[in-house]
């Protein structure tokens, strides 16, 4: 189970993915990762549990939505490159109902 310090959900075409950030210190710096895509979402009072297609689970603290300065620039760079290949990409807003993302997507694609 991965537990990032900060996270956002990105939508690439009709797929949702976790863009996760682990905050580093002076010596090791911040780290980021994008999951394989969200296949299932669970939640409790404190966390969302995003299950990935690869079998990974990202345990994301609900109050930690966002990026830091470094990973925001990385994400902006990724988005710029992806948009040049005519792929739709967006970062979902903080007030998104994440618990229903997959249900809404399944309804639209069926």
PDB file of N, CA and C in Angstrom:
ATOM      1  N   UNK A   1       0.856  -1.180   0.000  1.00  0.00           N
ATOM      2  CA  UNK A   1       0.000   0.000   0.000  1.00  0.00           C
ATOM      3  C   UNK A   1       0.895   1.234   0.000  1.00  0.00           C
ATOM      4  N   UNK A   2       0.604   2.154  -0.907  1.00  0.00           N
ATOM      5  CA  UNK A   2       1.338   3.406  -1.023  1.00  0.00           C
ATOM      6  C   UNK A   2       0.580   4.491  -0.259  1.00  0.00           C
ATOM      7  N   UNK A   3       1.277   5.294   0.514  1.00  0.00           N
ATOM      8  CA  UNK A   3       0.648   6.384   1.250  1.00  0.00           C
ATOM      9  C   UNK A   3       1.381   7.680   0.950  1.00  0.00           C
ATOM     10  N   UNK A   4       0.946   8.405  -0.078  1.00  0.00           N
ATOM     11  CA  UNK A   4       1.620   9.648  -0.437  1.00  0.00           C
ATOM     12  C   UNK A   4       1.323  10.769   0.558  1.00  0.00           C
ATOM     13  N   UNK A   5       2.204  11.762   0.562  1.00  0.00           N
ATOM     14  CA  UNK A   5       2.001  12.941   1.408  1.00  0.00           C
ATOM     15  C   UNK A   5       0.972  13.892   0.801  1.00  0.00           C
ATOM     16  N   UNK A   6       0.953  13.970  -0.519  1.00  0.00           N
ATOM     17  CA  UNK A   6       0.002  14.803  -1.251  1.00  0.00           C
ATOM     18  C   UNK A   6      -0.427  14.021  -2.487  1.00  0.00           C
ATOM     19  N   UNK A   7      -1.546  14.377  -3.080  1.00  0.00           N
ATOM     20  CA  UNK A   7      -2.057  13.649  -4.235  1.00  0.00           C
ATOM     21  C   UNK A   7      -3.087  14.488  -4.970  1.00  0.00           C
ATOM     22  N   UNK A   8      -3.233  14.213  -6.251  1.00  0.00           N
ATOM     23  CA  UNK A   8      -4.325  14.757  -7.057  1.00  0.00           C
ATOM     24  C   UNK A   8      -4.806  13.637  -7.981  1.00  0.00           C
ATOM     25  N   UNK A   9      -6.005  13.801  -8.486  1.00  0.00           N
ATOM     26  CA  UNK A   9      -6.531  12.871  -9.476  1.00  0.00           C
ATOM     27  C   UNK A   9      -6.487  13.570 -10.831  1.00  0.00           C
ATOM     28  N   UNK A  10      -5.911  12.875 -11.802  1.00  0.00           N
ATOM     29  CA  UNK A  10      -5.895  13.397 -13.154  1.00  0.00           C
ATOM     30  C   UNK A  10      -6.778  12.506 -14.023  1.00  0.00           C
ATOM     31  N   UNK A  11      -7.407  13.131 -14.977  1.00  0.00           N
ATOM     32  CA  UNK A  11      -8.246  12.405 -15.929  1.00  0.00           C
ATOM     33  C   UNK A  11      -7.559  12.493 -17.283  1.00  0.00           C
ATOM     34  N   UNK A  12      -7.254  11.350 -17.854  1.00  0.00           N
ATOM     35  CA  UNK A  12      -6.650  11.278 -19.172  1.00  0.00           C
ATOM     36  C   UNK A  12      -7.644  10.535 -20.058  1.00  0.00           C
ATOM     37  N   UNK A  13      -8.210  11.274 -21.006  1.00  0.00           N
ATOM     38  CA  UNK A  13      -9.341  10.782 -21.790  1.00  0.00           C
ATOM     39  C   UNK A  13     -10.419  10.329 -20.810  1.00  0.00           C
ATOM     40  N   UNK A  14     -10.783   9.066 -20.757  1.00  0.00           N
ATOM     41  CA  UNK A  14     -11.827   8.616 -19.829  1.00  0.00           C
ATOM     42  C   UNK A  14     -11.269   7.815 -18.661  1.00  0.00           C
ATOM     43  N   UNK A  15      -9.980   7.946 -18.389  1.00  0.00           N
ATOM     44  CA  UNK A  15      -9.354   7.185 -17.310  1.00  0.00           C
ATOM     45  C   UNK A  15      -8.889   8.118 -16.200  1.00  0.00           C
ATOM     46  N   UNK A  16      -9.079   7.675 -14.972  1.00  0.00           N
ATOM     47  CA  UNK A  16      -8.647   8.433 -13.807  1.00  0.00           C
ATOM     48  C   UNK A  16      -7.402   7.802 -13.230  1.00  0.00           C
ATOM     49  N   UNK A  17      -6.456   8.644 -12.837  1.00  0.00           N
ATOM     50  CA  UNK A  17      -5.197   8.163 -12.275  1.00  0.00           C
ATOM     51  C   UNK A  17      -4.823   9.015 -11.070  1.00  0.00           C
ATOM     52  N   UNK A  18      -4.100   8.404 -10.132  1.00  0.00           N
ATOM     53  CA  UNK A  18      -3.578   9.120  -8.976  1.00  0.00           C
ATOM     54  C   UNK A  18      -2.187   9.646  -9.335  1.00  0.00           C
ATOM     55  N   UNK A  19      -1.992  10.944  -9.153  1.00  0.00           N
ATOM     56  CA  UNK A  19      -0.661  11.533  -9.249  1.00  0.00           C
ATOM     57  C   UNK A  19      -0.250  11.794  -7.803  1.00  0.00           C
ATOM     58  N   UNK A  20       0.687  11.007  -7.320  1.00  0.00           N
ATOM     59  CA  UNK A  20       1.051  11.020  -5.895  1.00  0.00           C
ATOM     60  C   UNK A  20       2.393  11.702  -5.672  1.00  0.00           C
ATOM     61  N   UNK A  21       2.500  12.400  -4.552  1.00  0.00           N
ATOM     62  CA  UNK A  21       3.719  13.110  -4.173  1.00  0.00           C
ATOM     63  C   UNK A  21       4.161  12.664  -2.784  1.00  0.00           C
ATOM     64  N   UNK A  22       5.436  12.352  -2.666  1.00  0.00           N
ATOM     65  CA  UNK A  22       6.061  12.111  -1.363  1.00  0.00           C
ATOM     66  C   UNK A  22       7.037  13.244  -1.134  1.00  0.00           C
ATOM     67  N   UNK A  23       6.864  13.945  -0.038  1.00  0.00           N
ATOM     68  CA  UNK A  23       7.700  15.106   0.245  1.00  0.00           C
ATOM     69  C   UNK A  23       9.049  14.667   0.788  1.00  0.00           C
ATOM     70  N   UNK A  24      10.078  15.227   0.233  1.00  0.00           N
ATOM     71  CA  UNK A  24      11.427  14.896   0.670  1.00  0.00           C
ATOM     72  C   UNK A  24      12.016  16.022   1.491  1.00  0.00           C
ATOM     73  N   UNK A  25      13.183  15.764   1.986  1.00  0.00           N
ATOM     74  CA  UNK A  25      13.902  16.764   2.750  1.00  0.00           C
ATOM     75  C   UNK A  25      15.022  17.370   1.925  1.00  0.00           C
ATOM     76  N   UNK A  26      15.908  18.016   2.583  1.00  0.00           N
ATOM     77  CA  UNK A  26      17.022  18.685   1.935  1.00  0.00           C
ATOM     78  C   UNK A  26      17.877  17.713   1.141  1.00  0.00           C
ATOM     79  N   UNK A  27      18.127  16.521   1.672  1.00  0.00           N
ATOM     80  CA  UNK A  27      19.039  15.576   1.037  1.00  0.00           C
ATOM     81  C   UNK A  27      18.389  14.679  -0.014  1.00  0.00           C
ATOM     82  N   UNK A  28      17.111  14.360   0.156  1.00  0.00           N
ATOM     83  CA  UNK A  28      16.519  13.392  -0.764  1.00  0.00           C
ATOM     84  C   UNK A  28      15.484  13.946  -1.731  1.00  0.00           C
ATOM     85  N   UNK A  29      14.981  15.132  -1.555  1.00  0.00           N
ATOM     86  CA  UNK A  29      14.039  15.738  -2.495  1.00  0.00           C
ATOM     87  C   UNK A  29      12.692  15.039  -2.538  1.00  0.00           C
ATOM     88  N   UNK A  30      11.753  15.652  -3.243  1.00  0.00           N
ATOM     89  CA  UNK A  30      10.416  15.085  -3.393  1.00  0.00           C
ATOM     90  C   UNK A  30      10.411  14.031  -4.487  1.00  0.00           C
ATOM     91  N   UNK A  31       9.425  13.135  -4.400  1.00  0.00           N
ATOM     92  CA  UNK A  31       9.273  12.055  -5.364  1.00  0.00           C
ATOM     93  C   UNK A  31       7.817  12.030  -5.821  1.00  0.00           C
ATOM     94  N   UNK A  32       7.592  11.594  -7.046  1.00  0.00           N
ATOM     95  CA  UNK A  32       6.222  11.497  -7.545  1.00  0.00           C
ATOM     96  C   UNK A  32       6.034  10.191  -8.308  1.00  0.00           C
ATOM     97  N   UNK A  33       4.755   9.832  -8.478  1.00  0.00           N
ATOM     98  CA  UNK A  33       4.416   8.617  -9.216  1.00  0.00           C
ATOM     99  C   UNK A  33       2.966   8.744  -9.708  1.00  0.00           C
ATOM    100  N   UNK A  34       2.695   8.182 -10.872  1.00  0.00           N
ATOM    101  CA  UNK A  34       1.325   8.100 -11.394  1.00  0.00           C
ATOM    102  C   UNK A  34       0.931   6.631 -11.381  1.00  0.00           C
ATOM    103  N   UNK A  35      -0.250   6.337 -10.831  1.00  0.00           N
ATOM    104  CA  UNK A  35      -0.645   4.931 -10.782  1.00  0.00           C
ATOM    105  C   UNK A  35      -1.146   4.448 -12.139  1.00  0.00           C
ATOM    106  N   UNK A  36      -1.434   3.173 -12.236  1.00  0.00           N
ATOM    107  CA  UNK A  36      -1.825   2.535 -13.494  1.00  0.00           C
ATOM    108  C   UNK A  36      -3.232   2.905 -13.946  1.00  0.00           C
ATOM    109  N   UNK A  37      -3.982   3.515 -13.094  1.00  0.00           N
ATOM    110  CA  UNK A  37      -5.378   3.859 -13.362  1.00  0.00           C
ATOM    111  C   UNK A  37      -6.231   3.339 -12.226  1.00  0.00           C
ATOM    112  N   UNK A  38      -7.287   4.034 -11.925  1.00  0.00           N
ATOM    113  CA  UNK A  38      -8.132   3.674 -10.783  1.00  0.00           C
ATOM    114  C   UNK A  38      -9.206   2.685 -11.219  1.00  0.00           C
ATOM    115  N   UNK A  39      -9.205   1.515 -10.590  1.00  0.00           N
ATOM    116  CA  UNK A  39     -10.202   0.491 -10.902  1.00  0.00           C
ATOM    117  C   UNK A  39     -11.305   0.412  -9.853  1.00  0.00           C
ATOM    118  N   UNK A  40     -11.015   0.889  -8.650  1.00  0.00           N
ATOM    119  CA  UNK A  40     -11.970   0.792  -7.538  1.00  0.00           C
ATOM    120  C   UNK A  40     -11.595   1.852  -6.507  1.00  0.00           C
ATOM    121  N   UNK A  41     -12.618   2.408  -5.838  1.00  0.00           N
ATOM    122  CA  UNK A  41     -12.391   3.410  -4.797  1.00  0.00           C
ATOM    123  C   UNK A  41     -13.156   3.015  -3.544  1.00  0.00           C
ATOM    124  N   UNK A  42     -12.443   3.009  -2.425  1.00  0.00           N
ATOM    125  CA  UNK A  42     -13.069   2.818  -1.115  1.00  0.00           C
ATOM    126  C   UNK A  42     -12.696   4.024  -0.273  1.00  0.00           C
ATOM    127  N   UNK A  43     -13.416   4.222   0.807  1.00  0.00           N
ATOM    128  CA  UNK A  43     -13.084   5.339   1.690  1.00  0.00           C
ATOM    129  C   UNK A  43     -13.537   5.060   3.106  1.00  0.00           C
ATOM    130  N   UNK A  44     -12.896   5.761   4.027  1.00  0.00           N
ATOM    131  CA  UNK A  44     -13.363   5.821   5.403  1.00  0.00           C
ATOM    132  C   UNK A  44     -13.398   7.303   5.771  1.00  0.00           C
ATOM    133  N   UNK A  45     -13.502   7.632   7.018  1.00  0.00           N
ATOM    134  CA  UNK A  45     -13.615   9.035   7.406  1.00  0.00           C
ATOM    135  C   UNK A  45     -12.378   9.852   7.055  1.00  0.00           C
ATOM    136  N   UNK A  46     -11.219   9.215   7.025  1.00  0.00           N
ATOM    137  CA  UNK A  46      -9.957   9.932   6.877  1.00  0.00           C
ATOM    138  C   UNK A  46      -9.286   9.753   5.514  1.00  0.00           C
ATOM    139  N   UNK A  47      -9.451   8.598   4.901  1.00  0.00           N
ATOM    140  CA  UNK A  47      -8.700   8.260   3.694  1.00  0.00           C
ATOM    141  C   UNK A  47      -9.586   7.809   2.543  1.00  0.00           C
ATOM    142  N   UNK A  48      -9.075   8.028   1.324  1.00  0.00           N
ATOM    143  CA  UNK A  48      -9.562   7.337   0.127  1.00  0.00           C
ATOM    144  C   UNK A  48      -8.570   6.223  -0.151  1.00  0.00           C
ATOM    145  N   UNK A  49      -9.067   5.101  -0.621  1.00  0.00           N
ATOM    146  CA  UNK A  49      -8.227   3.976  -1.016  1.00  0.00           C
ATOM    147  C   UNK A  49      -8.461   3.753  -2.509  1.00  0.00           C
ATOM    148  N   UNK A  50      -7.504   4.180  -3.311  1.00  0.00           N
ATOM    149  CA  UNK A  50      -7.608   4.055  -4.757  1.00  0.00           C
ATOM    150  C   UNK A  50      -6.896   2.785  -5.190  1.00  0.00           C
ATOM    151  N   UNK A  51      -7.657   1.835  -5.703  1.00  0.00           N
ATOM    152  CA  UNK A  51      -7.108   0.570  -6.193  1.00  0.00           C
ATOM    153  C   UNK A  51      -6.716   0.755  -7.647  1.00  0.00           C
ATOM    154  N   UNK A  52      -5.511   0.340  -7.982  1.00  0.00           N
ATOM    155  CA  UNK A  52      -5.027   0.473  -9.346  1.00  0.00           C
ATOM    156  C   UNK A  52      -5.203  -0.804 -10.142  1.00  0.00           C
ATOM    157  N   UNK A  53      -5.167  -0.664 -11.460  1.00  0.00           N
ATOM    158  CA  UNK A  53      -5.278  -1.826 -12.341  1.00  0.00           C
ATOM    159  C   UNK A  53      -4.122  -2.797 -12.148  1.00  0.00           C
ATOM    160  N   UNK A  54      -2.980  -2.307 -11.669  1.00  0.00           N
ATOM    161  CA  UNK A  54      -1.811  -3.172 -11.464  1.00  0.00           C
ATOM    162  C   UNK A  54      -1.865  -3.917 -10.128  1.00  0.00           C
ATOM    163  N   UNK A  55      -2.880  -3.609  -9.301  1.00  0.00           N
ATOM    164  CA  UNK A  55      -2.989  -4.245  -7.992  1.00  0.00           C
ATOM    165  C   UNK A  55      -2.531  -3.360  -6.847  1.00  0.00           C
ATOM    166  N   UNK A  56      -1.965  -2.220  -7.157  1.00  0.00           N
ATOM    167  CA  UNK A  56      -1.514  -1.303  -6.102  1.00  0.00           C
ATOM    168  C   UNK A  56      -2.719  -0.633  -5.442  1.00  0.00           C
ATOM    169  N   UNK A  57      -2.512  -0.164  -4.224  1.00  0.00           N
ATOM    170  CA  UNK A  57      -3.523   0.602  -3.508  1.00  0.00           C
ATOM    171  C   UNK A  57      -2.849   1.866  -2.995  1.00  0.00           C
ATOM    172  N   UNK A  58      -3.445   3.014  -3.316  1.00  0.00           N
ATOM    173  CA  UNK A  58      -2.953   4.290  -2.818  1.00  0.00           C
ATOM    174  C   UNK A  58      -3.891   4.745  -1.708  1.00  0.00           C
ATOM    175  N   UNK A  59      -3.345   4.851  -0.511  1.00  0.00           N
ATOM    176  CA  UNK A  59      -4.087   5.294   0.670  1.00  0.00           C
ATOM    177  C   UNK A  59      -3.847   6.796   0.789  1.00  0.00           C
ATOM    178  N   UNK A  60      -4.844   7.589   0.406  1.00  0.00           N
ATOM    179  CA  UNK A  60      -4.673   9.038   0.297  1.00  0.00           C
ATOM    180  C   UNK A  60      -5.478   9.775   1.360  1.00  0.00           C
ATOM    181  N   UNK A  61      -4.768  10.538   2.173  1.00  0.00           N
ATOM    182  CA  UNK A  61      -5.382  11.343   3.224  1.00  0.00           C
ATOM    183  C   UNK A  61      -6.281  12.395   2.576  1.00  0.00           C
ATOM    184  N   UNK A  62      -7.546  12.424   2.940  1.00  0.00           N
ATOM    185  CA  UNK A  62      -8.516  13.307   2.302  1.00  0.00           C
ATOM    186  C   UNK A  62      -8.113  14.784   2.359  1.00  0.00           C
ATOM    187  N   UNK A  63      -7.454  15.187   3.414  1.00  0.00           N
ATOM    188  CA  UNK A  63      -7.091  16.594   3.577  1.00  0.00           C
ATOM    189  C   UNK A  63      -5.762  16.959   2.919  1.00  0.00           C
ATOM    190  N   UNK A  64      -5.173  16.031   2.172  1.00  0.00           N
ATOM    191  CA  UNK A  64      -3.851  16.285   1.575  1.00  0.00           C
ATOM    192  C   UNK A  64      -3.921  16.432   0.057  1.00  0.00           C
ATOM    193  N   UNK A  65      -5.071  16.851  -0.472  1.00  0.00           N
ATOM    194  CA  UNK A  65      -5.200  16.994  -1.920  1.00  0.00           C
ATOM    195  C   UNK A  65      -4.363  18.159  -2.403  1.00  0.00           C
ATOM    196  N   UNK A  66      -3.527  17.906  -3.402  1.00  0.00           N
ATOM    197  CA  UNK A  66      -2.702  18.958  -3.985  1.00  0.00           C
ATOM    198  C   UNK A  66      -1.310  18.441  -4.305  1.00  0.00           C
ATOM    199  N   UNK A  67      -0.446  19.372  -4.668  1.00  0.00           N
ATOM    200  CA  UNK A  67       0.943  19.062  -4.996  1.00  0.00           C
ATOM    201  C   UNK A  67       1.836  20.049  -4.263  1.00  0.00           C
ATOM    202  N   UNK A  68       3.134  19.854  -4.374  1.00  0.00           N
ATOM    203  CA  UNK A  68       4.047  20.875  -3.896  1.00  0.00           C
ATOM    204  C   UNK A  68       4.625  21.597  -5.115  1.00  0.00           C
ATOM    205  N   UNK A  69       5.490  22.544  -4.904  1.00  0.00           N
ATOM    206  CA  UNK A  69       6.021  23.354  -5.996  1.00  0.00           C
ATOM    207  C   UNK A  69       6.696  22.496  -7.052  1.00  0.00           C
ATOM    208  N   UNK A  70       7.531  21.564  -6.626  1.00  0.00           N
ATOM    209  CA  UNK A  70       8.270  20.711  -7.564  1.00  0.00           C
ATOM    210  C   UNK A  70       7.327  19.811  -8.359  1.00  0.00           C
ATOM    211  N   UNK A  71       6.452  19.085  -7.669  1.00  0.00           N
ATOM    212  CA  UNK A  71       5.602  18.137  -8.388  1.00  0.00           C
ATOM    213  C   UNK A  71       4.527  18.844  -9.212  1.00  0.00           C
ATOM    214  N   UNK A  72       4.153  20.048  -8.836  1.00  0.00           N
ATOM    215  CA  UNK A  72       3.237  20.825  -9.670  1.00  0.00           C
ATOM    216  C   UNK A  72       3.889  21.139 -11.012  1.00  0.00           C
ATOM    217  N   UNK A  73       5.175  21.493 -10.990  1.00  0.00           N
ATOM    218  CA  UNK A  73       5.870  21.774 -12.249  1.00  0.00           C
ATOM    219  C   UNK A  73       6.033  20.496 -13.073  1.00  0.00           C
ATOM    220  N   UNK A  74       6.284  19.359 -12.423  1.00  0.00           N
ATOM    221  CA  UNK A  74       6.372  18.078 -13.135  1.00  0.00           C
ATOM    222  C   UNK A  74       5.030  17.765 -13.793  1.00  0.00           C
ATOM    223  N   UNK A  75       3.948  17.908 -13.047  1.00  0.00           N
ATOM    224  CA  UNK A  75       2.619  17.612 -13.571  1.00  0.00           C
ATOM    225  C   UNK A  75       2.266  18.559 -14.719  1.00  0.00           C
ATOM    226  N   UNK A  76       2.568  19.838 -14.580  1.00  0.00           N
ATOM    227  CA  UNK A  76       2.308  20.794 -15.668  1.00  0.00           C
ATOM    228  C   UNK A  76       3.063  20.402 -16.929  1.00  0.00           C
ATOM    229  N   UNK A  77       4.298  19.949 -16.774  1.00  0.00           N
ATOM    230  CA  UNK A  77       5.109  19.516 -17.910  1.00  0.00           C
ATOM    231  C   UNK A  77       4.492  18.288 -18.579  1.00  0.00           C
ATOM    232  N   UNK A  78       4.047  17.335 -17.778  1.00  0.00           N
ATOM    233  CA  UNK A  78       3.398  16.134 -18.314  1.00  0.00           C
ATOM    234  C   UNK A  78       2.140  16.519 -19.091  1.00  0.00           C
ATOM    235  N   UNK A  79       1.330  17.387 -18.508  1.00  0.00           N
ATOM    236  CA  UNK A  79       0.081  17.814 -19.154  1.00  0.00           C
ATOM    237  C   UNK A  79       0.378  18.519 -20.469  1.00  0.00           C
ATOM    238  N   UNK A  80       1.360  19.406 -20.499  1.00  0.00           N
ATOM    239  CA  UNK A  80       1.730  20.101 -21.737  1.00  0.00           C
ATOM    240  C   UNK A  80       2.134  19.116 -22.826  1.00  0.00           C
ATOM    241  N   UNK A  81       2.933  18.122 -22.476  1.00  0.00           N
ATOM    242  CA  UNK A  81       3.384  17.138 -23.468  1.00  0.00           C
ATOM    243  C   UNK A  81       2.229  16.269 -23.961  1.00  0.00           C
ATOM    244  N   UNK A  82       1.350  15.849 -23.058  1.00  0.00           N
ATOM    245  CA  UNK A  82       0.234  14.987 -23.438  1.00  0.00           C
ATOM    246  C   UNK A  82      -0.749  15.747 -24.324  1.00  0.00           C
ATOM    247  N   UNK A  83      -1.012  17.009 -24.006  1.00  0.00           N
ATOM    248  CA  UNK A  83      -1.959  17.795 -24.801  1.00  0.00           C
ATOM    249  C   UNK A  83      -1.476  17.981 -26.234  1.00  0.00           C
ATOM    250  N   UNK A  84      -0.177  17.983 -26.458  1.00  0.00           N
ATOM    251  CA  UNK A  84       0.363  18.126 -27.816  1.00  0.00           C
ATOM    252  C   UNK A  84       0.040  16.909 -28.675  1.00  0.00           C
ATOM    253  N   UNK A  85      -0.301  15.793 -28.060  1.00  0.00           N
ATOM    254  CA  UNK A  85      -0.652  14.594 -28.822  1.00  0.00           C
ATOM    255  C   UNK A  85      -2.171  14.405 -28.898  1.00  0.00           C
ATOM    256  N   UNK A  86      -2.919  15.489 -28.746  1.00  0.00           N
ATOM    257  CA  UNK A  86      -4.385  15.488 -28.854  1.00  0.00           C
ATOM    258  C   UNK A  86      -5.070  14.559 -27.854  1.00  0.00           C
ATOM    259  N   UNK A  87      -4.522  14.441 -26.679  1.00  0.00           N
ATOM    260  CA  UNK A  87      -5.126  13.662 -25.601  1.00  0.00           C
ATOM    261  C   UNK A  87      -5.729  14.649 -24.605  1.00  0.00           C
ATOM    262  N   UNK A  88      -6.952  14.370 -24.174  1.00  0.00           N
ATOM    263  CA  UNK A  88      -7.592  15.232 -23.185  1.00  0.00           C
ATOM    264  C   UNK A  88      -7.072  14.890 -21.800  1.00  0.00           C
ATOM    265  N   UNK A  89      -6.619  15.896 -21.071  1.00  0.00           N
ATOM    266  CA  UNK A  89      -6.108  15.674 -19.720  1.00  0.00           C
ATOM    267  C   UNK A  89      -6.513  16.842 -18.834  1.00  0.00           C
ATOM    268  N   UNK A  90      -6.880  16.522 -17.598  1.00  0.00           N
ATOM    269  CA  UNK A  90      -7.235  17.572 -16.637  1.00  0.00           C
ATOM    270  C   UNK A  90      -6.955  17.095 -15.219  1.00  0.00           C
ATOM    271  N   UNK A  91      -6.681  18.051 -14.358  1.00  0.00           N
ATOM    272  CA  UNK A  91      -6.558  17.783 -12.927  1.00  0.00           C
ATOM    273  C   UNK A  91      -7.921  18.085 -12.319  1.00  0.00           C
ATOM    274  N   UNK A  92      -8.475  17.116 -11.616  1.00  0.00           N
ATOM    275  CA  UNK A  92      -9.801  17.313 -11.032  1.00  0.00           C
ATOM    276  C   UNK A  92      -9.724  18.268  -9.847  1.00  0.00           C
ATOM    277  N   UNK A  93     -10.753  19.088  -9.663  1.00  0.00           N
ATOM    278  CA  UNK A  93     -10.748  20.026  -8.542  1.00  0.00           C
ATOM    279  C   UNK A  93     -10.870  19.310  -7.195  1.00  0.00           C
ATOM    280  N   UNK A  94     -10.431  20.005  -6.179  1.00  0.00           N
ATOM    281  CA  UNK A  94     -10.414  19.463  -4.807  1.00  0.00           C
ATOM    282  C   UNK A  94     -11.807  19.040  -4.336  1.00  0.00           C
ATOM    283  N   UNK A  95     -12.847  19.738  -4.771  1.00  0.00           N
ATOM    284  CA  UNK A  95     -14.203  19.455  -4.287  1.00  0.00           C
ATOM    285  C   UNK A  95     -14.926  18.355  -5.085  1.00  0.00           C
ATOM    286  N   UNK A  96     -14.199  17.604  -5.914  1.00  0.00           N
ATOM    287  CA  UNK A  96     -14.774  16.487  -6.662  1.00  0.00           C
ATOM    288  C   UNK A  96     -15.258  15.401  -5.703  1.00  0.00           C
ATOM    289  N   UNK A  97     -16.367  14.766  -6.044  1.00  0.00           N
ATOM    290  CA  UNK A  97     -16.859  13.625  -5.266  1.00  0.00           C
ATOM    291  C   UNK A  97     -16.080  12.383  -5.718  1.00  0.00           C
ATOM    292  N   UNK A  98     -14.906  12.175  -5.129  1.00  0.00           N
ATOM    293  CA  UNK A  98     -14.022  11.098  -5.556  1.00  0.00           C
ATOM    294  C   UNK A  98     -14.630   9.715  -5.338  1.00  0.00           C
ATOM    295  N   UNK A  99     -15.478   9.567  -4.342  1.00  0.00           N
ATOM    296  CA  UNK A  99     -16.061   8.253  -4.054  1.00  0.00           C
ATOM    297  C   UNK A  99     -16.951   7.753  -5.188  1.00  0.00           C
ATOM    298  N   UNK A 100     -17.437   8.657  -6.031  1.00  0.00           N
ATOM    299  CA  UNK A 100     -18.326   8.254  -7.130  1.00  0.00           C
ATOM    300  C   UNK A 100     -17.679   8.352  -8.514  1.00  0.00           C
ATOM    301  N   UNK A 101     -16.398   8.599  -8.594  1.00  0.00           N
ATOM    302  CA  UNK A 101     -15.730   8.751  -9.889  1.00  0.00           C
ATOM    303  C   UNK A 101     -15.914   7.544 -10.795  1.00  0.00           C
ATOM    304  N   UNK A 102     -15.635   6.384 -10.276  1.00  0.00           N
ATOM    305  CA  UNK A 102     -15.682   5.170 -11.077  1.00  0.00           C
ATOM    306  C   UNK A 102     -17.123   4.848 -11.471  1.00  0.00           C
ATOM    307  N   UNK A 103     -18.065   5.022 -10.558  1.00  0.00           N
ATOM    308  CA  UNK A 103     -19.472   4.762 -10.855  1.00  0.00           C
ATOM    309  C   UNK A 103     -19.959   5.673 -11.973  1.00  0.00           C
ATOM    310  N   UNK A 104     -19.586   6.977 -11.914  1.00  0.00           N
ATOM    311  CA  UNK A 104     -19.991   7.922 -12.950  1.00  0.00           C
ATOM    312  C   UNK A 104     -19.377   7.543 -14.285  1.00  0.00           C
ATOM    313  N   UNK A 105     -18.119   7.147 -14.277  1.00  0.00           N
ATOM    314  CA  UNK A 105     -17.429   6.779 -15.511  1.00  0.00           C
ATOM    315  C   UNK A 105     -18.050   5.525 -16.126  1.00  0.00           C
ATOM    316  N   UNK A 106     -18.395   4.536 -15.303  1.00  0.00           N
ATOM    317  CA  UNK A 106     -19.011   3.307 -15.799  1.00  0.00           C
ATOM    318  C   UNK A 106     -20.380   3.604 -16.429  1.00  0.00           C
ATOM    319  N   UNK A 107     -21.125   4.519 -15.839  1.00  0.00           N
ATOM    320  CA  UNK A 107     -22.437   4.880 -16.347  1.00  0.00           C
ATOM    321  C   UNK A 107     -22.300   5.538 -17.726  1.00  0.00           C
ATOM    322  N   UNK A 108     -21.317   6.414 -17.884  1.00  0.00           N
ATOM    323  CA  UNK A 108     -21.129   7.107 -19.150  1.00  0.00           C
ATOM    324  C   UNK A 108     -20.659   6.188 -20.255  1.00  0.00           C
ATOM    325  N   UNK A 109     -19.825   5.210 -19.928  1.00  0.00           N
ATOM    326  CA  UNK A 109     -19.238   4.358 -20.962  1.00  0.00           C
ATOM    327  C   UNK A 109     -20.107   3.145 -21.292  1.00  0.00           C
ATOM    328  N   UNK A 110     -21.144   2.895 -20.523  1.00  0.00           N
ATOM    329  CA  UNK A 110     -22.033   1.741 -20.807  1.00  0.00           C
ATOM    330  C   UNK A 110     -23.256   2.173 -21.575  1.00  0.00           C
TER     331      UNK A 110
END
